[in-house]
PDB file of N, CA and C in Angstrom:
ATOM      1  N   MET A   1       6.941  74.077  -9.986  1.00  0.00           N
ATOM      2  CA  MET A   1       7.657  72.850 -10.332  1.00  0.00           C
ATOM      3  C   MET A   1       7.998  72.902 -11.820  1.00  0.00           C
ATOM      4  N   PRO A   2       9.232  72.657 -12.202  1.00  0.00           N
ATOM      5  CA  PRO A   2       9.615  72.713 -13.632  1.00  0.00           C
ATOM      6  C   PRO A   2       8.904  71.612 -14.431  1.00  0.00           C
ATOM      7  N   GLN A   3       8.747  71.913 -15.706  1.00  0.00           N
ATOM      8  CA  GLN A   3       8.052  70.973 -16.595  1.00  0.00           C
ATOM      9  C   GLN A   3       8.837  69.654 -16.764  1.00  0.00           C
ATOM     10  N   SER A   4      10.162  69.724 -16.725  1.00  0.00           N
ATOM     11  CA  SER A   4      10.956  68.500 -16.867  1.00  0.00           C
ATOM     12  C   SER A   4      10.723  67.554 -15.693  1.00  0.00           C
ATOM     13  N   THR A   5      10.525  68.108 -14.497  1.00  0.00           N
ATOM     14  CA  THR A   5      10.224  67.275 -13.338  1.00  0.00           C
ATOM     15  C   THR A   5       8.858  66.605 -13.458  1.00  0.00           C
ATOM     16  N   LEU A   6       7.905  67.352 -13.961  1.00  0.00           N
ATOM     17  CA  LEU A   6       6.576  66.758 -14.151  1.00  0.00           C
ATOM     18  C   LEU A   6       6.612  65.660 -15.201  1.00  0.00           C
ATOM     19  N   LEU A   7       7.357  65.847 -16.265  1.00  0.00           N
ATOM     20  CA  LEU A   7       7.483  64.819 -17.303  1.00  0.00           C
ATOM     21  C   LEU A   7       8.185  63.567 -16.733  1.00  0.00           C
ATOM     22  N   ALA A   8       9.180  63.757 -15.918  1.00  0.00           N
ATOM     23  CA  ALA A   8       9.881  62.608 -15.327  1.00  0.00           C
ATOM     24  C   ALA A   8       8.938  61.840 -14.414  1.00  0.00           C
ATOM     25  N   ARG A   9       8.123  62.544 -13.633  1.00  0.00           N
ATOM     26  CA  ARG A   9       7.169  61.854 -12.759  1.00  0.00           C
ATOM     27  C   ARG A   9       6.134  61.128 -13.565  1.00  0.00           C
ATOM     28  N   ALA A  10       5.663  61.749 -14.632  1.00  0.00           N
ATOM     29  CA  ALA A  10       4.652  61.076 -15.472  1.00  0.00           C
ATOM     30  C   ALA A  10       5.230  59.823 -16.114  1.00  0.00           C
ATOM     31  N   ARG A  11       6.472  59.868 -16.578  1.00  0.00           N
ATOM     32  CA  ARG A  11       7.114  58.688 -17.168  1.00  0.00           C
ATOM     33  C   ARG A  11       7.260  57.588 -16.112  1.00  0.00           C
ATOM     34  N   HIS A  12       7.617  57.978 -14.904  1.00  0.00           N
ATOM     35  CA  HIS A  12       7.757  57.012 -13.828  1.00  0.00           C
ATOM     36  C   HIS A  12       6.428  56.308 -13.521  1.00  0.00           C
ATOM     37  N   TRP A  13       5.369  57.115 -13.381  1.00  0.00           N
ATOM     38  CA  TRP A  13       4.065  56.507 -13.098  1.00  0.00           C
ATOM     39  C   TRP A  13       3.557  55.686 -14.254  1.00  0.00           C
ATOM     40  N   LEU A  14       3.759  56.111 -15.484  1.00  0.00           N
ATOM     41  CA  LEU A  14       3.320  55.315 -16.644  1.00  0.00           C
ATOM     42  C   LEU A  14       4.154  54.070 -16.798  1.00  0.00           C
ATOM     43  N   GLY A  15       5.411  54.097 -16.397  1.00  0.00           N
ATOM     44  CA  GLY A  15       6.239  52.906 -16.427  1.00  0.00           C
ATOM     45  C   GLY A  15       5.828  51.868 -15.402  1.00  0.00           C
ATOM     46  N   SER A  16       5.226  52.329 -14.311  1.00  0.00           N
ATOM     47  CA  SER A  16       4.749  51.423 -13.248  1.00  0.00           C
ATOM     48  C   SER A  16       3.348  50.931 -13.491  1.00  0.00           C
ATOM     49  N   LEU A  17       2.662  51.447 -14.462  1.00  0.00           N
ATOM     50  CA  LEU A  17       1.275  51.056 -14.712  1.00  0.00           C
ATOM     51  C   LEU A  17       1.092  49.602 -15.086  1.00  0.00           C
ATOM     52  N   PRO A  18       1.903  48.975 -15.937  1.00  0.00           N
ATOM     53  CA  PRO A  18       1.731  47.551 -16.226  1.00  0.00           C
ATOM     54  C   PRO A  18       1.876  46.672 -14.976  1.00  0.00           C
ATOM     55  N   ALA A  19       2.859  46.980 -14.149  1.00  0.00           N
ATOM     56  CA  ALA A  19       3.033  46.221 -12.900  1.00  0.00           C
ATOM     57  C   ALA A  19       1.864  46.383 -11.983  1.00  0.00           C
ATOM     58  N   ALA A  20       1.315  47.587 -11.918  1.00  0.00           N
ATOM     59  CA  ALA A  20       0.143  47.809 -11.073  1.00  0.00           C
ATOM     60  C   ALA A  20      -1.062  47.029 -11.575  1.00  0.00           C
ATOM     61  N   CYS A  21      -1.203  46.923 -12.869  1.00  0.00           N
ATOM     62  CA  CYS A  21      -2.323  46.138 -13.422  1.00  0.00           C
ATOM     63  C   CYS A  21      -2.184  44.653 -13.132  1.00  0.00           C
ATOM     64  N   VAL A  22      -0.949  44.164 -13.196  1.00  0.00           N
ATOM     65  CA  VAL A  22      -0.741  42.738 -12.859  1.00  0.00           C
ATOM     66  C   VAL A  22      -1.017  42.498 -11.374  1.00  0.00           C
ATOM     67  N   VAL A  23      -0.551  43.365 -10.522  1.00  0.00           N
ATOM     68  CA  VAL A  23      -0.787  43.247  -9.089  1.00  0.00           C
ATOM     69  C   VAL A  23      -2.293  43.307  -8.791  1.00  0.00           C
ATOM     70  N   ALA A  24      -3.006  44.193  -9.442  1.00  0.00           N
ATOM     71  CA  ALA A  24      -4.472  44.295  -9.233  1.00  0.00           C
ATOM     72  C   ALA A  24      -5.166  43.039  -9.683  1.00  0.00           C
ATOM     73  N   LEU A  25      -4.774  42.459 -10.811  1.00  0.00           N
ATOM     74  CA  LEU A  25      -5.380  41.253 -11.312  1.00  0.00           C
ATOM     75  C   LEU A  25      -5.148  40.066 -10.377  1.00  0.00           C
ATOM     76  N   VAL A  26      -3.922  39.938  -9.872  1.00  0.00           N
ATOM     77  CA  VAL A  26      -3.606  38.850  -8.928  1.00  0.00           C
ATOM     78  C   VAL A  26      -4.348  39.056  -7.597  1.00  0.00           C
ATOM     79  N   SER A  27      -4.411  40.287  -7.134  1.00  0.00           N
ATOM     80  CA  SER A  27      -5.120  40.527  -5.860  1.00  0.00           C
ATOM     81  C   SER A  27      -6.590  40.258  -5.983  1.00  0.00           C
ATOM     82  N   VAL A  28      -7.197  40.626  -7.106  1.00  0.00           N
ATOM     83  CA  VAL A  28      -8.630  40.344  -7.339  1.00  0.00           C
ATOM     84  C   VAL A  28      -8.862  38.852  -7.379  1.00  0.00           C
ATOM     85  N   SER A  29      -7.985  38.100  -8.054  1.00  0.00           N
ATOM     86  CA  SER A  29      -8.202  36.668  -8.147  1.00  0.00           C
ATOM     87  C   SER A  29      -8.022  35.982  -6.795  1.00  0.00           C
ATOM     88  N   TYR A  30      -7.044  36.439  -6.001  1.00  0.00           N
ATOM     89  CA  TYR A  30      -6.921  35.917  -4.627  1.00  0.00           C
ATOM     90  C   TYR A  30      -8.165  36.266  -3.775  1.00  0.00           C
ATOM     91  N   ALA A  31      -8.617  37.465  -3.882  1.00  0.00           N
ATOM     92  CA  ALA A  31      -9.798  37.888  -3.072  1.00  0.00           C
ATOM     93  C   ALA A  31     -11.018  37.036  -3.431  1.00  0.00           C
ATOM     94  N   VAL A  32     -11.246  36.812  -4.704  1.00  0.00           N
ATOM     95  CA  VAL A  32     -12.381  36.006  -5.102  1.00  0.00           C
ATOM     96  C   VAL A  32     -12.239  34.562  -4.645  1.00  0.00           C
ATOM     97  N   SER A  33     -11.070  33.992  -4.832  1.00  0.00           N
ATOM     98  CA  SER A  33     -10.894  32.568  -4.456  1.00  0.00           C
ATOM     99  C   SER A  33     -11.028  32.374  -2.934  1.00  0.00           C
ATOM    100  N   TYR A  34     -10.441  33.270  -2.170  1.00  0.00           N
ATOM    101  CA  TYR A  34     -10.541  33.121  -0.726  1.00  0.00           C
ATOM    102  C   TYR A  34     -11.947  33.424  -0.210  1.00  0.00           C
ATOM    103  N   ALA A  35     -12.646  34.354  -0.822  1.00  0.00           N
ATOM    104  CA  ALA A  35     -14.007  34.638  -0.468  1.00  0.00           C
ATOM    105  C   ALA A  35     -14.914  33.436  -0.703  1.00  0.00           C
ATOM    106  N   VAL A  36     -14.694  32.747  -1.825  1.00  0.00           N
ATOM    107  CA  VAL A  36     -15.450  31.554  -2.139  1.00  0.00           C
ATOM    108  C   VAL A  36     -15.135  30.446  -1.137  1.00  0.00           C
ATOM    109  N   MET A  37     -13.861  30.303  -0.764  1.00  0.00           N
ATOM    110  CA  MET A  37     -13.497  29.272   0.215  1.00  0.00           C
ATOM    111  C   MET A  37     -14.089  29.544   1.583  1.00  0.00           C
ATOM    112  N   ILE A  38     -14.132  30.793   1.981  1.00  0.00           N
ATOM    113  CA  ILE A  38     -14.601  31.129   3.312  1.00  0.00           C
ATOM    114  C   ILE A  38     -16.127  31.207   3.377  1.00  0.00           C
ATOM    115  N   PHE A  39     -16.733  31.932   2.420  1.00  0.00           N
ATOM    116  CA  PHE A  39     -18.172  32.227   2.510  1.00  0.00           C
ATOM    117  C   PHE A  39     -19.021  31.388   1.565  1.00  0.00           C
ATOM    118  N   GLY A  40     -18.425  30.616   0.680  1.00  0.00           N
ATOM    119  CA  GLY A  40     -19.217  29.895  -0.355  1.00  0.00           C
ATOM    120  C   GLY A  40     -19.975  28.713   0.148  1.00  0.00           C
ATOM    121  N   GLY A  41     -19.523  28.034   1.189  1.00  0.00           N
ATOM    122  CA  GLY A  41     -20.134  26.830   1.673  1.00  0.00           C
ATOM    123  C   GLY A  41     -21.417  27.049   2.423  1.00  0.00           C
ATOM    124  N   SER A  42     -21.666  28.279   2.866  1.00  0.00           N
ATOM    125  CA  SER A  42     -22.833  28.560   3.709  1.00  0.00           C
ATOM    126  C   SER A  42     -24.001  29.153   2.939  1.00  0.00           C
ATOM    127  N   GLY A  43     -23.881  29.278   1.670  1.00  0.00           N
ATOM    128  CA  GLY A  43     -24.984  29.799   0.868  1.00  0.00           C
ATOM    129  C   GLY A  43     -24.630  31.103   0.174  1.00  0.00           C
ATOM    130  N   ASP A  44     -25.511  31.485  -0.732  1.00  0.00           N
ATOM    131  CA  ASP A  44     -25.266  32.671  -1.528  1.00  0.00           C
ATOM    132  C   ASP A  44     -25.319  33.972  -0.738  1.00  0.00           C
ATOM    133  N   ALA A  45     -26.109  34.026   0.313  1.00  0.00           N
ATOM    134  CA  ALA A  45     -26.218  35.270   1.061  1.00  0.00           C
ATOM    135  C   ALA A  45     -24.900  35.678   1.732  1.00  0.00           C
ATOM    136  N   LEU A  46     -24.196  34.695   2.263  1.00  0.00           N
ATOM    137  CA  LEU A  46     -22.908  35.013   2.867  1.00  0.00           C
ATOM    138  C   LEU A  46     -21.865  35.377   1.829  1.00  0.00           C
ATOM    139  N   LEU A  47     -21.942  34.698   0.693  1.00  0.00           N
ATOM    140  CA  LEU A  47     -20.962  35.014  -0.365  1.00  0.00           C
ATOM    141  C   LEU A  47     -21.203  36.424  -0.930  1.00  0.00           C
ATOM    142  N   GLN A  48     -22.453  36.808  -1.016  1.00  0.00           N
ATOM    143  CA  GLN A  48     -22.757  38.175  -1.515  1.00  0.00           C
ATOM    144  C   GLN A  48     -22.271  39.212  -0.534  1.00  0.00           C
ATOM    145  N   ALA A  49     -22.237  38.914   0.717  1.00  0.00           N
ATOM    146  CA  ALA A  49     -21.703  39.859   1.721  1.00  0.00           C
ATOM    147  C   ALA A  49     -20.206  39.777   1.838  1.00  0.00           C
ATOM    148  N   GLY A  50     -19.662  38.586   1.676  1.00  0.00           N
ATOM    149  CA  GLY A  50     -18.246  38.369   1.901  1.00  0.00           C
ATOM    150  C   GLY A  50     -17.348  38.784   0.741  1.00  0.00           C
ATOM    151  N   LEU A  51     -17.838  38.681  -0.460  1.00  0.00           N
ATOM    152  CA  LEU A  51     -17.023  39.042  -1.639  1.00  0.00           C
ATOM    153  C   LEU A  51     -16.649  40.524  -1.641  1.00  0.00           C
ATOM    154  N   PRO A  52     -17.612  41.458  -1.466  1.00  0.00           N
ATOM    155  CA  PRO A  52     -17.213  42.867  -1.370  1.00  0.00           C
ATOM    156  C   PRO A  52     -16.314  43.143  -0.194  1.00  0.00           C
ATOM    157  N   LEU A  53     -16.509  42.456   0.882  1.00  0.00           N
ATOM    158  CA  LEU A  53     -15.688  42.597   2.074  1.00  0.00           C
ATOM    159  C   LEU A  53     -14.214  42.231   1.753  1.00  0.00           C
ATOM    160  N   MET A  54     -14.023  41.170   1.017  1.00  0.00           N
ATOM    161  CA  MET A  54     -12.680  40.775   0.634  1.00  0.00           C
ATOM    162  C   MET A  54     -12.058  41.784  -0.336  1.00  0.00           C
ATOM    163  N   PHE A  55     -12.847  42.338  -1.268  1.00  0.00           N
ATOM    164  CA  PHE A  55     -12.326  43.337  -2.178  1.00  0.00           C
ATOM    165  C   PHE A  55     -11.889  44.607  -1.423  1.00  0.00           C
ATOM    166  N   VAL A  56     -12.745  45.076  -0.525  1.00  0.00           N
ATOM    167  CA  VAL A  56     -12.439  46.298   0.199  1.00  0.00           C
ATOM    168  C   VAL A  56     -11.211  46.118   1.087  1.00  0.00           C
ATOM    169  N   THR A  57     -11.119  44.992   1.795  1.00  0.00           N
ATOM    170  CA  THR A  57      -9.959  44.777   2.669  1.00  0.00           C
ATOM    171  C   THR A  57      -8.686  44.601   1.872  1.00  0.00           C
ATOM    172  N   SER A  58      -8.776  43.972   0.694  1.00  0.00           N
ATOM    173  CA  SER A  58      -7.578  43.810  -0.133  1.00  0.00           C
ATOM    174  C   SER A  58      -7.075  45.167  -0.627  1.00  0.00           C
ATOM    175  N   VAL A  59      -8.007  45.991  -1.086  1.00  0.00           N
ATOM    176  CA  VAL A  59      -7.630  47.334  -1.571  1.00  0.00           C
ATOM    177  C   VAL A  59      -7.060  48.177  -0.436  1.00  0.00           C
ATOM    178  N   LEU A  60      -7.685  48.168   0.711  1.00  0.00           N
ATOM    179  CA  LEU A  60      -7.180  48.914   1.856  1.00  0.00           C
ATOM    180  C   LEU A  60      -5.811  48.469   2.294  1.00  0.00           C
ATOM    181  N   CYS A  61      -5.633  47.162   2.313  1.00  0.00           N
ATOM    182  CA  CYS A  61      -4.330  46.609   2.716  1.00  0.00           C
ATOM    183  C   CYS A  61      -3.227  47.017   1.718  1.00  0.00           C
ATOM    184  N   LEU A  62      -3.543  46.907   0.428  1.00  0.00           N
ATOM    185  CA  LEU A  62      -2.562  47.291  -0.568  1.00  0.00           C
ATOM    186  C   LEU A  62      -2.201  48.774  -0.483  1.00  0.00           C
ATOM    187  N   LEU A  63      -3.200  49.633  -0.294  1.00  0.00           N
ATOM    188  CA  LEU A  63      -2.958  51.058  -0.200  1.00  0.00           C
ATOM    189  C   LEU A  63      -2.160  51.438   1.045  1.00  0.00           C
ATOM    190  N   VAL A  64      -2.521  50.861   2.188  1.00  0.00           N
ATOM    191  CA  VAL A  64      -1.803  51.203   3.419  1.00  0.00           C
ATOM    192  C   VAL A  64      -0.337  50.769   3.316  1.00  0.00           C
ATOM    193  N   ILE A  65      -0.110  49.603   2.854  1.00  0.00           N
ATOM    194  CA  ILE A  65       1.274  49.134   2.765  1.00  0.00           C
ATOM    195  C   ILE A  65       2.019  49.910   1.675  1.00  0.00           C
ATOM    196  N   CYS A  66       1.352  50.231   0.572  1.00  0.00           N
ATOM    197  CA  CYS A  66       1.986  50.985  -0.498  1.00  0.00           C
ATOM    198  C   CYS A  66       2.489  52.345  -0.019  1.00  0.00           C
ATOM    199  N   PHE A  67       1.627  53.041   0.705  1.00  0.00           N
ATOM    200  CA  PHE A  67       1.966  54.412   1.089  1.00  0.00           C
ATOM    201  C   PHE A  67       2.703  54.557   2.405  1.00  0.00           C
ATOM    202  N   THR A  68       2.791  53.508   3.220  1.00  0.00           N
ATOM    203  CA  THR A  68       3.464  53.605   4.492  1.00  0.00           C
ATOM    204  C   THR A  68       4.774  52.833   4.536  1.00  0.00           C
ATOM    205  N   SER A  69       5.033  51.970   3.579  1.00  0.00           N
ATOM    206  CA  SER A  69       6.236  51.153   3.619  1.00  0.00           C
ATOM    207  C   SER A  69       7.450  51.963   3.134  1.00  0.00           C
ATOM    208  N   SER A  70       8.584  51.678   3.723  1.00  0.00           N
ATOM    209  CA  SER A  70       9.826  52.330   3.259  1.00  0.00           C
ATOM    210  C   SER A  70      10.429  51.586   2.098  1.00  0.00           C
ATOM    211  N   LEU A  71       9.947  50.389   1.789  1.00  0.00           N
ATOM    212  CA  LEU A  71      10.421  49.628   0.668  1.00  0.00           C
ATOM    213  C   LEU A  71       9.462  49.799  -0.508  1.00  0.00           C
ATOM    214  N   PRO A  72       9.908  50.197  -1.694  1.00  0.00           N
ATOM    215  CA  PRO A  72       9.032  50.523  -2.793  1.00  0.00           C
ATOM    216  C   PRO A  72       8.338  49.294  -3.392  1.00  0.00           C
ATOM    217  N   PHE A  73       8.825  48.102  -3.137  1.00  0.00           N
ATOM    218  CA  PHE A  73       8.264  46.910  -3.773  1.00  0.00           C
ATOM    219  C   PHE A  73       7.343  46.084  -2.840  1.00  0.00           C
ATOM    220  N   MET A  74       7.006  46.643  -1.697  1.00  0.00           N
ATOM    221  CA  MET A  74       6.185  45.915  -0.736  1.00  0.00           C
ATOM    222  C   MET A  74       4.703  45.890  -1.198  1.00  0.00           C
ATOM    223  N   LEU A  75       4.078  44.708  -1.031  1.00  0.00           N
ATOM    224  CA  LEU A  75       2.670  44.513  -1.344  1.00  0.00           C
ATOM    225  C   LEU A  75       2.017  43.781  -0.214  1.00  0.00           C
ATOM    226  N   GLY A  76       0.709  43.858  -0.137  1.00  0.00           N
ATOM    227  CA  GLY A  76      -0.001  43.131   0.894  1.00  0.00           C
ATOM    228  C   GLY A  76      -1.362  42.765   0.393  1.00  0.00           C
ATOM    229  N   GLY A  77      -1.935  41.748   0.978  1.00  0.00           N
ATOM    230  CA  GLY A  77      -3.287  41.331   0.580  1.00  0.00           C
ATOM    231  C   GLY A  77      -3.600  40.004   1.215  1.00  0.00           C
ATOM    232  N   ALA A  78      -4.677  39.404   0.742  1.00  0.00           N
ATOM    233  CA  ALA A  78      -5.124  38.113   1.274  1.00  0.00           C
ATOM    234  C   ALA A  78      -4.089  37.054   0.950  1.00  0.00           C
ATOM    235  N   ASP A  79      -3.869  36.183   1.924  1.00  0.00           N
ATOM    236  CA  ASP A  79      -2.902  35.107   1.772  1.00  0.00           C
ATOM    237  C   ASP A  79      -3.484  33.839   2.392  1.00  0.00           C
ATOM    238  N   SER A  80      -3.034  32.676   1.953  1.00  0.00           N
ATOM    239  CA  SER A  80      -3.597  31.442   2.441  1.00  0.00           C
ATOM    240  C   SER A  80      -3.337  31.273   3.954  1.00  0.00           C
ATOM    241  N   ASN A  81      -2.244  31.804   4.460  1.00  0.00           N
ATOM    242  CA  ASN A  81      -1.975  31.683   5.894  1.00  0.00           C
ATOM    243  C   ASN A  81      -2.939  32.546   6.708  1.00  0.00           C
ATOM    244  N   SER A  82      -3.317  33.671   6.199  1.00  0.00           N
ATOM    245  CA  SER A  82      -4.230  34.538   6.937  1.00  0.00           C
ATOM    246  C   SER A  82      -5.674  34.123   6.760  1.00  0.00           C
ATOM    247  N   VAL A  83      -6.012  33.359   5.733  1.00  0.00           N
ATOM    248  CA  VAL A  83      -7.396  32.948   5.540  1.00  0.00           C
ATOM    249  C   VAL A  83      -7.664  31.736   6.417  1.00  0.00           C
ATOM    250  N   GLY A  84      -6.819  30.746   6.435  1.00  0.00           N
ATOM    251  CA  GLY A  84      -6.914  29.603   7.338  1.00  0.00           C
ATOM    252  C   GLY A  84      -8.226  28.893   7.363  1.00  0.00           C
ATOM    253  N   CYS A  85      -8.593  28.249   6.274  1.00  0.00           N
ATOM    254  CA  CYS A  85      -9.880  27.492   6.254  1.00  0.00           C
ATOM    255  C   CYS A  85      -9.736  26.314   7.151  1.00  0.00           C
ATOM    256  N   SER A  86     -10.753  26.055   7.952  1.00  0.00           N
ATOM    257  CA  SER A  86     -10.695  24.951   8.912  1.00  0.00           C
ATOM    258  C   SER A  86     -11.782  23.934   8.630  1.00  0.00           C
ATOM    259  N   ARG A  87     -11.830  23.484   7.440  1.00  0.00           N
ATOM    260  CA  ARG A  87     -12.853  22.454   7.085  1.00  0.00           C
ATOM    261  C   ARG A  87     -12.244  21.092   7.116  1.00  0.00           C
TER     262      ARG A  87
END
């Protein structure tokens, strides 16, 4: 692979890094807030189990959609419609 192609790919990935950081920050905040809504009312034991679960599922969802979507701007993660608190 020519060096100019590698430099172009590196510039592309570095140019996308700020957007990736913003998406990660928003996804983490959604995961924490929804985990507290779902698992927080039943005690600390459920929250300690549910918070990592929300992080793992958010990361997996983002990665699967990122690498399998034909649209480059597609994202996925926890949403209020999919959480559906019934209190």
